[in-house]
Amino acid sequence: MECYFDVQDLSLNKKGEELCGDKVKRLTSDDRVIVVLSDGLGSGVKANILATLTSEIIITMLNADVSLENVIETVIGTLPICKVRNIAYATFTILQIDKRTGAFKVINCDNPPIFLLKRGRVSQPETQTVTILGKTITVIEGTLSQGDFLGAITDGVLYAGMGVALNYGWGWQSIAKHLEGLFVTRSRTARGIVQDVITKTHSLYNGEIGDDATCVGVYVRERRGLMIFTGPPLEPSSDTQHAEELLNFEGRRVVCGGTTGSIVAEYLGETIDTDIATLRREVPPIGLLRGIDLLTEGIITMSKALEYLRESDGDERKLPKDRNGAQLLATEILKADFIHLLVGQRINEFYQNPLLPKTISIRKNLVRELEATMRDLHKEVAVEYC
């Protein structure tokens, strides 16, 4: 079973500030995941610039395979020290994960301790400390397995509620207990866990956010795949081949387009039923076909789904509650980690812009926009034209 390292982060801005003084940067490749959380001293524009500078330096150097020691030396040597508080103008936490083995390393510089949950219980990993340019750095190493969670926060989360109940804020132990409770009572997704922590933080501040607050989490779970077959293949003789490709895909299967749906139905020897209850003024109804998880109309539905995706910012809860083809398609995309777009290139003259060359269809342009939006939402995307 292939593991997927689901990374999510959410932040709260200090009251009255348009910019957040915390910054999260992430880098995902075929073999590793790198997440950097930086907290700029203070709040507002200055803190945002400092946190952005810190995270950009770290992620850029790590991407260039510069050694961790050199990266940390560069950051510490670059950032000035606050003369009043004798701390760096930005703190940071680095999470590095080997996707092949699950081995991880955490490097923490003045941020609160990380949270590691294994089998829903908080684990206390062994820590080491190293001194670089006079700065004490905490290093933690271990291995992540399916169901594990690795999280990091900034001070704004740790001290939420200060002076209200605990006098010193929410506190690391209380957050740890809260996280354990989520694994008992809630569905386990990175976004769900992070969202719950941030919602609780907001509540403890009574909406009066006293400091920029960020939570970032990595949840290890089964990888969710999705194939979207849209548009008939350029050569009708290959219809059967691509229908088989869709039906053999290990994951969710979606068909967008009437002609494409007919190709799959003919291969299956089935007929398509129409779900009239999903008909809307702006979105055609969906179809029902055995072996297919979702069957929608093509261009109109995909365009509306793209609109929903852009408005959602990757959060399913921001999608419309109305059950229609575009909403269902957007939901399938947001739930997936890897999306394989199988795009037929046969031109439908009805959907062809007369100002464009015959080789560039509206469908192809729409697919390009969808691909870009999916990547912006940190999805893995593969596009296959046929």
Protein backbone atom coordinates (compact mmCIF):
# COMPACT_ATOMS: atom_id res chain seq x y z
CA MET A 1 0.00 0.00 0.00
CA GLU A 2 1.58 3.28 -1.12
CA CYS A 3 1.87 5.95 1.58
CA TYR A 4 1.05 9.57 0.94
CA PHE A 5 2.52 12.39 3.02
CA ASP A 6 -0.36 14.84 3.30
CA VAL A 7 0.89 18.34 4.20
CA GLN A 8 -1.44 21.14 5.29
CA ASP A 9 -0.95 24.47 7.04
CA LEU A 10 -3.24 27.20 8.30
CA SER A 11 -2.54 30.54 9.97
CA LEU A 12 -4.24 33.30 11.93
CA ASN A 13 -3.08 36.91 11.55
CA LYS A 14 -2.58 39.03 14.63
CA LYS A 15 -5.56 41.35 15.11
CA GLY A 16 -5.26 44.43 12.93
CA GLU A 17 -2.57 43.01 10.63
CA GLU A 18 -3.16 42.32 6.94
CA LEU A 19 -0.06 40.15 6.63
CA CYS A 20 0.89 37.13 8.71
CA GLY A 21 4.27 37.17 10.42
CA ASP A 22 4.55 33.39 10.02
CA LYS A 23 5.45 31.68 6.75
CA VAL A 24 5.27 28.08 5.55
CA LYS A 25 7.16 26.86 2.48
CA ARG A 26 7.03 23.32 1.17
CA LEU A 27 8.85 21.33 -1.46
CA THR A 28 7.71 17.93 -2.72
CA SER A 29 9.63 15.78 -5.16
CA ASP A 30 9.53 12.11 -6.14
CA ASP A 31 11.67 11.09 -3.17
CA ARG A 32 11.27 13.69 -0.43
CA VAL A 33 9.09 16.23 1.33
CA ILE A 34 10.56 19.38 2.88
CA VAL A 35 8.47 21.77 4.98
CA VAL A 36 9.80 24.98 6.52
CA LEU A 37 7.88 26.96 9.14
CA SER A 38 9.31 30.37 10.05
CA ASP A 39 8.09 32.90 12.61
CA GLY A 40 9.25 36.49 12.11
CA LEU A 41 9.83 38.54 15.24
CA GLY A 42 6.89 40.83 15.97
CA SER A 43 4.02 41.07 13.52
CA GLY A 44 2.85 42.73 10.35
CA VAL A 45 4.94 43.63 7.30
CA LYS A 46 8.36 43.43 9.00
CA ALA A 47 7.69 40.00 10.50
CA ASN A 48 6.27 38.75 7.21
CA ILE A 49 9.38 39.84 5.31
CA LEU A 50 11.70 38.23 7.85
CA ALA A 51 9.76 34.96 7.92
CA THR A 52 9.53 34.88 4.12
CA LEU A 53 13.26 35.56 3.75
CA THR A 54 14.12 32.82 6.24
CA SER A 55 11.87 30.18 4.69
CA GLU A 56 12.97 31.05 1.14
CA ILE A 57 16.67 30.78 2.01
CA ILE A 58 16.16 27.40 3.67
CA ILE A 59 13.93 25.83 1.01
CA THR A 60 16.10 27.11 -1.86
CA MET A 61 19.33 25.79 -0.35
CA LEU A 62 17.83 22.44 0.60
CA ASN A 63 16.42 22.08 -2.91
CA ALA A 64 19.97 22.62 -4.18
CA ASP A 65 21.13 19.76 -1.91
CA VAL A 66 23.21 22.03 0.31
CA SER A 67 24.01 20.31 3.60
CA LEU A 68 21.76 21.07 6.56
CA GLU A 69 24.69 22.41 8.55
CA ASN A 70 25.57 24.90 5.81
CA VAL A 71 21.91 25.89 5.46
CA ILE A 72 21.56 26.59 9.16
CA GLU A 73 24.86 28.46 9.27
CA THR A 74 23.71 30.63 6.38
CA VAL A 75 20.36 31.45 7.99
CA ILE A 76 21.78 32.16 11.43
CA GLY A 77 24.61 34.17 9.93
CA THR A 78 22.20 36.17 7.78
CA LEU A 79 19.55 37.04 10.35
CA PRO A 80 20.33 39.83 12.81
CA ILE A 81 19.83 39.37 16.54
CA CYS A 82 17.33 41.44 18.50
CA LYS A 83 19.40 43.45 21.03
CA VAL A 84 16.51 43.68 23.50
CA ARG A 85 15.42 40.01 23.55
CA ASN A 86 18.74 38.48 22.39
CA ILE A 87 16.97 36.19 19.89
CA ALA A 88 17.08 35.94 16.12
CA TYR A 89 14.67 38.06 14.12
CA ALA A 90 13.06 34.86 12.83
CA THR A 91 12.73 31.37 14.26
CA PHE A 92 12.26 28.27 12.14
CA THR A 93 11.39 24.57 12.06
CA ILE A 94 12.46 22.28 9.21
CA LEU A 95 10.70 18.97 8.53
CA GLN A 96 12.49 16.64 6.10
CA ILE A 97 10.91 13.32 5.08
CA ASP A 98 12.21 10.56 2.83
CA LYS A 99 9.10 9.39 0.95
CA ARG A 100 10.62 6.01 0.12
CA THR A 101 11.47 4.98 3.68
CA GLY A 102 9.44 7.34 5.88
CA ALA A 103 12.64 8.46 7.66
CA PHE A 104 12.32 12.02 8.94
CA LYS A 105 14.51 14.70 10.48
CA VAL A 106 13.32 17.77 12.34
CA ILE A 107 15.55 20.79 12.89
CA ASN A 108 14.07 23.29 15.34
CA CYS A 109 15.44 26.75 16.09
CA ASP A 110 13.51 28.57 18.86
CA ASN A 111 10.03 27.41 17.76
CA PRO A 112 7.86 25.34 20.15
CA PRO A 113 8.62 21.58 20.25
CA ILE A 114 7.07 19.49 17.47
CA PHE A 115 4.25 16.96 17.94
CA LEU A 116 4.72 13.34 16.84
CA LEU A 117 1.71 11.04 17.07
CA LYS A 118 2.07 7.32 16.41
CA ARG A 119 -1.09 5.19 16.41
CA GLY A 120 -2.99 8.21 17.71
CA ARG A 121 -0.79 8.64 20.78
CA VAL A 122 1.76 11.37 21.39
CA SER A 123 5.28 9.97 21.19
CA GLN A 124 8.28 11.52 22.91
CA PRO A 125 11.12 11.09 20.41
CA GLU A 126 14.71 11.32 21.50
CA THR A 127 16.19 14.76 20.87
CA GLN A 128 19.72 15.95 20.27
CA THR A 129 21.11 19.45 20.46
CA VAL A 130 23.85 20.98 18.39
CA THR A 131 25.38 24.45 18.58
CA ILE A 132 25.91 26.37 15.36
CA LEU A 133 27.37 29.89 15.48
CA GLY A 134 26.48 30.06 19.14
CA LYS A 135 22.87 29.02 18.52
CA THR A 136 21.38 25.88 20.07
CA ILE A 137 19.49 23.77 17.53
CA THR A 138 17.25 20.83 18.41
CA VAL A 139 17.42 17.80 16.11
CA ILE A 140 14.97 14.89 16.09
CA GLU A 141 15.14 11.84 13.84
CA GLY A 142 12.78 8.92 13.39
CA THR A 143 10.53 7.05 10.97
CA LEU A 144 6.94 7.73 9.96
CA SER A 145 4.44 4.98 9.15
CA GLN A 146 0.89 5.04 7.85
CA GLY A 147 -1.41 6.72 10.39
CA ASP A 148 1.37 8.83 11.95
CA PHE A 149 1.17 12.62 12.32
CA LEU A 150 4.02 15.12 12.56
CA GLY A 151 3.11 18.69 13.46
CA ALA A 152 4.75 22.04 14.19
CA ILE A 153 3.37 25.31 15.57
CA THR A 154 4.45 28.87 16.26
CA ASP A 155 4.23 30.72 19.58
CA GLY A 156 0.87 32.20 18.65
CA VAL A 157 -0.73 28.77 18.99
CA LEU A 158 1.18 27.79 22.13
CA TYR A 159 0.21 30.91 24.09
CA ALA A 160 -3.40 31.23 22.93
CA GLY A 161 -5.61 31.82 25.98
CA MET A 162 -2.84 33.45 28.01
CA GLY A 163 -4.33 35.02 31.12
CA VAL A 164 -7.72 33.38 30.52
CA ALA A 165 -7.47 29.94 32.07
CA LEU A 166 -3.93 28.62 32.23
CA ASN A 167 -2.14 31.94 32.83
CA TYR A 168 0.62 30.86 30.46
CA GLY A 169 -1.55 29.99 27.44
CA TRP A 170 -2.87 26.81 25.89
CA GLY A 171 0.38 24.99 26.54
CA TRP A 172 2.18 22.13 24.77
CA GLN A 173 0.65 19.38 26.93
CA SER A 174 -2.90 20.62 26.37
CA ILE A 175 -2.35 20.77 22.62
CA ALA A 176 -0.90 17.25 22.68
CA LYS A 177 -3.95 15.94 24.57
CA HIS A 178 -6.23 17.74 22.11
CA LEU A 179 -4.45 16.11 19.16
CA GLU A 180 -4.84 12.66 20.72
CA GLY A 181 -8.55 13.33 21.13
CA LEU A 182 -8.89 14.14 17.42
CA PHE A 183 -7.64 10.67 16.52
CA VAL A 184 -10.44 9.17 18.58
CA THR A 185 -13.38 11.38 17.62
CA ARG A 186 -12.69 12.85 14.18
CA SER A 187 -11.89 11.77 10.65
CA ARG A 188 -8.15 11.86 10.21
CA THR A 189 -6.86 14.12 7.47
CA ALA A 190 -4.04 16.65 7.65
CA ARG A 191 -6.41 19.51 6.89
CA GLY A 192 -8.94 18.33 9.48
CA ILE A 193 -6.31 18.07 12.22
CA VAL A 194 -4.67 21.40 11.42
CA GLN A 195 -8.02 23.14 11.01
CA ASP A 196 -9.19 21.88 14.41
CA VAL A 197 -6.06 23.18 16.15
CA ILE A 198 -6.41 26.60 14.51
CA THR A 199 -10.14 26.76 15.29
CA LYS A 200 -9.41 25.99 18.94
CA THR A 201 -6.66 28.63 18.95
CA HIS A 202 -9.09 31.22 17.54
CA SER A 203 -11.60 30.29 20.24
CA LEU A 204 -9.04 30.69 23.03
CA TYR A 205 -8.24 34.17 21.77
CA ASN A 206 -11.99 34.94 21.73
CA GLY A 207 -11.44 36.21 18.21
CA GLU A 208 -8.92 38.81 19.44
CA ILE A 209 -5.81 37.19 17.96
CA GLY A 210 -2.87 38.30 20.10
CA ASP A 211 -0.09 36.92 17.92
CA ASP A 212 0.34 35.35 14.49
CA ALA A 213 -0.51 31.68 14.91
CA THR A 214 0.37 28.85 12.50
CA CYS A 215 0.00 25.09 12.57
CA VAL A 216 1.50 22.82 9.93
CA GLY A 217 1.00 19.08 9.89
CA VAL A 218 2.07 16.01 7.93
CA TYR A 219 -0.32 13.06 8.08
CA VAL A 220 0.74 9.73 6.59
CA ARG A 221 -2.10 7.87 4.89
CA GLU A 222 -3.02 5.80 1.86
CA ARG A 223 -2.51 7.61 -1.44
CA ARG A 224 -5.76 8.55 -3.18
CA GLY A 225 -5.75 8.37 -6.96
CA LEU A 226 -8.24 9.79 -9.46
CA MET A 227 -8.46 9.40 -13.24
CA ILE A 228 -10.54 11.85 -15.28
CA PHE A 229 -11.29 10.75 -18.85
CA THR A 230 -12.54 13.66 -20.93
CA GLY A 231 -12.97 13.96 -24.66
CA PRO A 232 -13.01 11.17 -27.27
CA PRO A 233 -9.60 9.90 -28.45
CA LEU A 234 -8.23 11.32 -31.68
CA GLU A 235 -8.40 7.89 -33.35
CA PRO A 236 -11.76 6.09 -32.87
CA SER A 237 -9.90 2.79 -33.17
CA SER A 238 -8.29 3.48 -29.78
CA ASP A 239 -11.59 4.01 -27.92
CA THR A 240 -11.53 0.51 -26.46
CA GLN A 241 -7.91 0.81 -25.35
CA HIS A 242 -8.56 4.00 -23.37
CA ALA A 243 -11.83 2.76 -21.90
CA GLU A 244 -9.85 -0.22 -20.57
CA GLU A 245 -7.16 2.12 -19.24
CA LEU A 246 -9.79 4.00 -17.25
CA LEU A 247 -11.50 0.89 -15.89
CA ASN A 248 -8.16 -0.68 -14.88
CA PHE A 249 -7.12 2.43 -12.95
CA GLU A 250 -6.65 1.78 -9.22
CA GLY A 251 -8.56 4.66 -7.71
CA ARG A 252 -11.61 6.80 -8.38
CA ARG A 253 -12.82 6.95 -11.99
CA VAL A 254 -14.52 10.02 -13.49
CA VAL A 255 -15.77 10.63 -17.03
CA CYS A 256 -16.49 14.17 -18.28
CA GLY A 257 -18.32 14.46 -21.59
CA GLY A 258 -21.29 12.90 -23.33
CA THR A 259 -19.34 11.32 -26.17
CA THR A 260 -16.67 10.06 -23.78
CA GLY A 261 -19.36 8.57 -21.56
CA SER A 262 -20.89 6.79 -24.54
CA ILE A 263 -17.50 5.27 -25.42
CA VAL A 264 -17.14 3.81 -21.91
CA ALA A 265 -20.79 2.67 -21.81
CA GLU A 266 -20.43 0.91 -25.16
CA TYR A 267 -17.30 -0.88 -23.94
CA LEU A 268 -19.16 -2.01 -20.82
CA GLY A 269 -22.29 -2.97 -22.75
CA GLU A 270 -24.30 -0.72 -20.44
CA THR A 271 -26.68 2.21 -20.86
CA ILE A 272 -26.33 5.57 -19.11
CA ASP A 273 -29.11 6.71 -16.80
CA THR A 274 -29.59 10.42 -16.08
CA ASP A 275 -29.92 11.79 -12.54
CA ILE A 276 -32.44 14.58 -13.19
CA ALA A 277 -32.22 15.68 -9.54
CA THR A 278 -28.76 17.13 -10.28
CA LEU A 279 -29.93 19.32 -13.20
CA ARG A 280 -29.22 23.02 -12.59
CA ARG A 281 -29.61 26.12 -14.72
CA GLU A 282 -25.82 26.44 -15.10
CA VAL A 283 -24.81 22.78 -14.86
CA PRO A 284 -26.15 19.78 -16.84
CA PRO A 285 -27.22 16.67 -14.87
CA ILE A 286 -24.84 13.83 -14.09
CA GLY A 287 -25.14 10.34 -15.55
CA LEU A 288 -25.07 6.99 -13.79
CA LEU A 289 -22.91 4.18 -15.21
CA ARG A 290 -21.75 0.98 -13.56
CA GLY A 291 -18.01 0.99 -12.83
CA ILE A 292 -17.74 4.80 -13.00
CA ASP A 293 -17.72 6.87 -9.80
CA LEU A 294 -18.87 10.07 -11.50
CA LEU A 295 -20.13 10.80 -15.01
CA THR A 296 -20.71 14.43 -15.99
CA GLU A 297 -21.17 16.59 -19.05
CA GLY A 298 -17.88 17.99 -20.37
CA ILE A 299 -16.87 21.59 -20.97
CA ILE A 300 -19.64 23.39 -19.06
CA THR A 301 -19.33 21.21 -15.96
CA MET A 302 -15.53 21.25 -15.97
CA SER A 303 -15.47 25.05 -16.30
CA LYS A 304 -17.82 25.44 -13.34
CA ALA A 305 -15.80 22.93 -11.29
CA LEU A 306 -12.66 24.96 -12.04
CA GLU A 307 -14.43 28.04 -10.70
CA TYR A 308 -15.37 26.17 -7.51
CA LEU A 309 -11.80 24.91 -7.06
CA ARG A 310 -10.33 28.40 -7.31
CA GLU A 311 -12.82 29.74 -4.78
CA SER A 312 -12.27 26.85 -2.35
CA ASP A 313 -8.53 27.37 -1.75
CA GLY A 314 -8.33 23.60 -1.33
CA ASP A 315 -10.95 23.42 1.44
CA GLU A 316 -13.89 21.10 0.71
CA ARG A 317 -16.03 23.01 3.19
CA LYS A 318 -15.89 26.07 0.95
CA LEU A 319 -17.52 24.23 -1.95
CA PRO A 320 -21.22 24.88 -2.58
CA LYS A 321 -23.53 22.60 -0.58
CA ASP A 322 -25.74 22.07 -3.63
CA ARG A 323 -25.24 18.61 -5.16
CA ASN A 324 -24.60 19.12 -8.86
CA GLY A 325 -22.12 17.82 -11.42
CA ALA A 326 -19.57 20.61 -10.96
CA GLN A 327 -19.70 20.40 -7.17
CA LEU A 328 -19.26 16.62 -7.29
CA LEU A 329 -16.34 16.92 -9.73
CA ALA A 330 -14.61 19.55 -7.59
CA THR A 331 -15.09 17.33 -4.53
CA GLU A 332 -13.49 14.35 -6.30
CA ILE A 333 -10.47 16.51 -7.20
CA LEU A 334 -10.02 17.95 -3.71
CA LYS A 335 -10.16 14.49 -2.14
CA ALA A 336 -7.52 13.11 -4.52
CA ASP A 337 -3.76 13.28 -4.05
CA PHE A 338 -2.85 12.19 -7.57
CA ILE A 339 -4.95 13.07 -10.63
CA HIS A 340 -4.38 11.42 -14.01
CA LEU A 341 -6.05 13.42 -16.79
CA LEU A 342 -6.77 11.28 -19.86
CA VAL A 343 -7.62 13.84 -22.55
CA GLY A 344 -9.04 12.92 -25.93
CA GLN A 345 -8.05 15.25 -28.75
CA ARG A 346 -10.88 14.65 -31.21
CA ILE A 347 -12.30 18.10 -31.93
CA ASN A 348 -15.94 18.80 -31.13
CA GLU A 349 -16.81 21.63 -33.52
CA PHE A 350 -19.50 22.84 -31.11
CA TYR A 351 -16.79 23.64 -28.54
CA GLN A 352 -14.21 25.01 -30.97
CA ASN A 353 -13.30 28.71 -30.82
CA PRO A 354 -13.18 29.88 -34.45
CA LEU A 355 -10.35 32.27 -33.54
CA LEU A 356 -8.10 29.38 -32.51
CA PRO A 357 -6.26 26.93 -34.80
CA LYS A 358 -7.96 23.57 -35.19
CA THR A 359 -5.17 21.96 -33.17
CA ILE A 360 -6.05 24.00 -30.06
CA SER A 361 -9.47 23.18 -28.67
CA ILE A 362 -11.35 24.83 -25.83
CA ARG A 363 -11.11 21.49 -24.01
CA LYS A 364 -7.31 21.49 -24.19
CA ASN A 365 -7.11 25.06 -22.87
CA LEU A 366 -9.51 24.17 -20.07
CA VAL A 367 -7.43 21.12 -19.16
CA ARG A 368 -4.33 23.32 -18.94
CA GLU A 369 -6.12 25.66 -16.54
CA LEU A 370 -7.34 22.73 -14.48
CA GLU A 371 -3.84 21.27 -14.33
CA ALA A 372 -2.36 24.58 -13.15
CA THR A 373 -5.04 24.99 -10.49
CA MET A 374 -4.58 21.42 -9.24
CA ARG A 375 -0.84 21.97 -8.91
CA ASP A 376 -1.49 25.21 -7.02
CA LEU A 377 -3.53 23.07 -4.61
CA HIS A 378 -0.48 20.81 -4.17
CA LYS A 379 -1.93 17.92 -6.16
CA GLU A 380 0.24 15.54 -8.17
CA VAL A 381 -0.96 15.73 -11.77
CA ALA A 382 -0.21 13.71 -14.90
CA VAL A 383 -1.75 14.62 -18.25
CA GLU A 384 -2.03 12.03 -21.05
CA TYR A 385 -3.33 13.13 -24.44
CA CYS A 386 -4.85 10.49 -26.66
